[in-house]
C-alpha cells in the first residue's frame, strides 16, 4: 500500500505529527509530537535523542505504530530508510524547518539523528509489513504467559483498544 497524494500533502503540511509506537505486551507507547518530512512519495521521521531514544528503540523492535496529523489517523509500519537518501532527507528537513535556528536544525540533520531515520509505511490489512505475524517482537522474546510478544490480539485491536481508552479518559 502507498500513501495517497492527499495523505502526503496533509501529513507533510503539518509542522508536527503525533507518533505512537507499539510496545511489549500489546501496549502502545504514549503518543508524542515529532517532526516529519516528505521526500518524493515517502514520509520520514528521526529521533532527536539518537539511537538510545525510547520510541526509536520500540519502533525498531516492534516495527508498528500509528500517526495522527491534521485529522488523519493512520496505522503505520516503520522501515529503515535507504542510506543513499540521507542528503535528500536532510535537505527536506532544512527546507521545511528552516525557520528555526541553525542549532535546532542541526539536532535533526546531525549524525546522531540521521542514523535513526525511519520511513513510514501506511498499513492496511492486506499489507504484508502490517500483518499480525510481523507485529511481534523480532527478538523472539515471550510474554509472561509464554506466547510470543504481540500474538493473541489482531494488530488492529491494539489501536482500537487504545482509541477507546483515549476517548473514555
Protein backbone atom coordinates (compact mmCIF):
# COMPACT_ATOMS: atom_id res chain seq x y z
CA UNK A 1 0.00 0.00 0.00
CA UNK A 2 1.20 3.51 -0.74
CA UNK A 3 0.29 6.93 0.57
CA UNK A 4 -2.32 8.81 -1.44
CA UNK A 5 -1.35 12.25 -2.71
CA UNK A 6 -3.96 13.75 -0.34
CA UNK A 7 -2.43 11.94 2.66
CA UNK A 8 1.09 13.00 1.69
CA UNK A 9 0.01 16.62 1.32
CA UNK A 10 -1.96 16.65 4.58
CA UNK A 11 0.74 14.97 6.67
CA UNK A 12 3.66 16.95 5.24
CA UNK A 13 1.77 20.24 5.63
CA UNK A 14 1.67 19.77 9.41
CA UNK A 15 4.54 21.14 11.49
CA UNK A 16 4.32 18.08 13.75
CA UNK A 17 2.54 14.75 13.82
CA UNK A 18 1.63 12.62 16.83
CA UNK A 19 3.51 9.34 16.63
CA UNK A 20 2.51 6.33 18.71
CA UNK A 21 4.69 3.21 18.78
CA UNK A 22 3.70 -0.33 19.74
CA UNK A 23 5.40 -1.73 22.83
CA UNK A 24 5.58 -5.09 24.54
CA UNK A 25 2.53 -6.99 25.75
CA UNK A 26 0.20 -5.31 23.26
CA UNK A 27 0.58 -1.86 24.84
CA UNK A 28 1.09 1.33 22.88
CA UNK A 29 3.71 3.90 23.85
CA UNK A 30 2.14 7.26 24.66
CA UNK A 31 1.92 9.41 21.56
CA UNK A 32 4.45 12.17 21.16
CA UNK A 33 4.82 15.09 18.83
CA UNK A 34 7.53 14.65 16.25
CA UNK A 35 8.71 16.31 13.06
CA UNK A 36 8.03 14.56 9.77
CA UNK A 37 9.27 15.29 6.25
CA UNK A 38 8.22 14.21 2.82
CA UNK A 39 10.81 13.24 0.24
CA UNK A 40 9.17 12.23 -3.01
CA UNK A 41 6.30 9.87 -2.17
CA UNK A 42 7.78 8.81 1.18
CA UNK A 43 7.49 10.16 4.73
CA UNK A 44 10.39 10.09 7.19
CA UNK A 45 10.90 10.65 10.92
CA UNK A 46 14.03 10.86 13.06
CA UNK A 47 14.75 10.52 16.77
CA UNK A 48 16.38 13.70 18.06
CA UNK A 49 17.75 11.74 21.02
CA UNK A 50 19.61 9.41 18.67
CA UNK A 51 19.58 5.61 18.75
CA UNK A 52 19.05 5.50 22.54
CA UNK A 53 15.67 7.26 22.22
CA UNK A 54 12.90 5.12 23.76
CA UNK A 55 10.37 5.49 20.97
CA UNK A 56 13.05 4.73 18.38
CA UNK A 57 14.09 1.55 20.19
CA UNK A 58 10.45 0.41 20.30
CA UNK A 59 9.90 1.31 16.64
CA UNK A 60 12.95 -0.70 15.54
CA UNK A 61 11.91 -3.69 17.64
CA UNK A 62 8.14 -3.73 17.13
CA UNK A 63 8.02 -2.04 13.69
CA UNK A 64 4.41 -0.88 14.20
CA UNK A 65 2.69 2.31 15.26
CA UNK A 66 0.22 4.96 14.29
CA UNK A 67 0.28 8.62 13.35
CA UNK A 68 -2.17 11.49 13.66
CA UNK A 69 -1.92 14.63 11.59
CA UNK A 70 -4.48 17.20 10.53
CA UNK A 71 -7.43 15.00 11.48
CA UNK A 72 -5.97 11.92 9.74
CA UNK A 73 -5.23 8.85 11.84
CA UNK A 74 -3.28 6.06 10.18
CA UNK A 75 -1.60 2.84 11.30
CA UNK A 76 1.97 2.63 10.04
CA UNK A 77 4.92 0.28 9.81
CA UNK A 78 8.46 1.54 10.33
CA UNK A 79 11.14 0.67 7.79
CA UNK A 80 14.80 1.58 7.63
CA UNK A 81 15.50 4.44 5.27
CA UNK A 82 17.78 4.00 2.28
CA UNK A 83 21.20 5.32 3.42
CA UNK A 84 21.67 6.92 -0.01
CA UNK A 85 18.64 9.16 0.68
CA UNK A 86 20.25 10.91 3.68
CA UNK A 87 21.24 14.05 1.75
CA UNK A 88 17.74 14.44 0.29
CA UNK A 89 16.10 13.85 3.68
CA UNK A 90 18.45 16.34 5.36
CA UNK A 91 17.51 18.87 2.66
CA UNK A 92 13.81 18.18 3.27
CA UNK A 93 14.28 18.88 7.00
CA UNK A 94 16.20 22.09 6.27
CA UNK A 95 13.60 23.23 3.76
CA UNK A 96 10.58 22.52 5.98
CA UNK A 97 12.01 23.61 9.33
CA UNK A 98 14.50 26.25 8.11
CA UNK A 99 12.63 28.96 10.04
CA UNK A 100 14.14 27.52 13.25
CA UNK A 101 17.62 28.42 14.47
CA UNK A 102 20.52 26.60 12.79
CA UNK A 103 21.40 24.85 16.07
CA UNK A 104 17.91 23.32 16.21
CA UNK A 105 18.09 22.17 12.60
CA UNK A 106 21.46 20.57 13.33
CA UNK A 107 19.83 18.38 16.00
CA UNK A 108 17.67 16.77 13.32
CA UNK A 109 20.24 16.70 10.50
CA UNK A 110 23.30 15.73 12.55
CA UNK A 111 24.78 12.24 12.51
CA UNK A 112 23.03 11.05 15.71
CA UNK A 113 19.52 11.85 14.47
CA UNK A 114 20.24 10.92 10.83
CA UNK A 115 21.27 7.43 11.93
CA UNK A 116 17.72 6.93 13.24
CA UNK A 117 15.86 7.84 10.05
CA UNK A 118 12.77 5.68 9.60
CA UNK A 119 10.40 5.58 6.65
CA UNK A 120 6.70 5.49 7.48
CA UNK A 121 4.68 2.94 5.51
CA UNK A 122 0.87 3.12 5.52
CA UNK A 123 -0.81 -0.02 6.82
CA UNK A 124 -3.83 -1.89 5.63
CA UNK A 125 -4.97 -5.42 6.50
CA UNK A 126 -3.60 -6.57 3.14
CA UNK A 127 -0.12 -5.06 3.64
CA UNK A 128 2.36 -7.85 4.50
CA UNK A 129 4.52 -5.49 6.60
CA UNK A 130 1.48 -4.75 8.76
CA UNK A 131 0.23 -8.27 9.33
CA UNK A 132 -0.20 -9.69 12.82
CA UNK A 133 2.69 -12.09 12.18
CA UNK A 134 5.18 -9.24 11.87
CA UNK A 135 3.72 -7.33 14.82
CA UNK A 136 5.54 -9.49 17.35
CA UNK A 137 8.90 -8.64 18.79
CA UNK A 138 11.63 -9.58 16.32
CA UNK A 139 13.91 -10.64 19.20
CA UNK A 140 11.62 -13.64 19.82
CA UNK A 141 11.02 -12.71 23.46
CA UNK A 142 7.99 -14.22 25.11
CA UNK A 143 5.35 -12.62 27.29
CA UNK A 144 4.65 -13.73 30.86
CA UNK A 145 2.02 -16.14 29.53
CA UNK A 146 4.60 -17.84 27.33
CA UNK A 147 3.20 -16.70 23.98
CA UNK A 148 5.42 -14.66 21.69
CA UNK A 149 5.00 -10.96 22.42
CA UNK A 150 2.38 -9.40 20.17
CA UNK A 151 0.47 -12.59 19.42
CA UNK A 152 -3.06 -13.27 20.55
CA UNK A 153 -4.65 -9.99 19.52
CA UNK A 154 -5.05 -8.86 15.95
CA UNK A 155 -2.80 -5.89 15.24
CA UNK A 156 -5.76 -3.61 14.55
CA UNK A 157 -7.17 -4.38 18.00
CA UNK A 158 -4.19 -2.59 19.59
CA UNK A 159 -5.24 0.66 18.00
CA UNK A 160 -8.94 0.14 18.59
CA UNK A 161 -8.36 -0.51 22.29
CA UNK A 162 -6.01 2.46 22.61
CA UNK A 163 -8.51 4.70 20.81
CA UNK A 164 -11.36 3.56 23.09
CA UNK A 165 -9.26 4.17 26.21
CA UNK A 166 -8.32 7.64 24.99
CA UNK A 167 -11.95 8.51 24.26
CA UNK A 168 -13.04 7.34 27.71
CA UNK A 169 -10.36 9.32 29.54
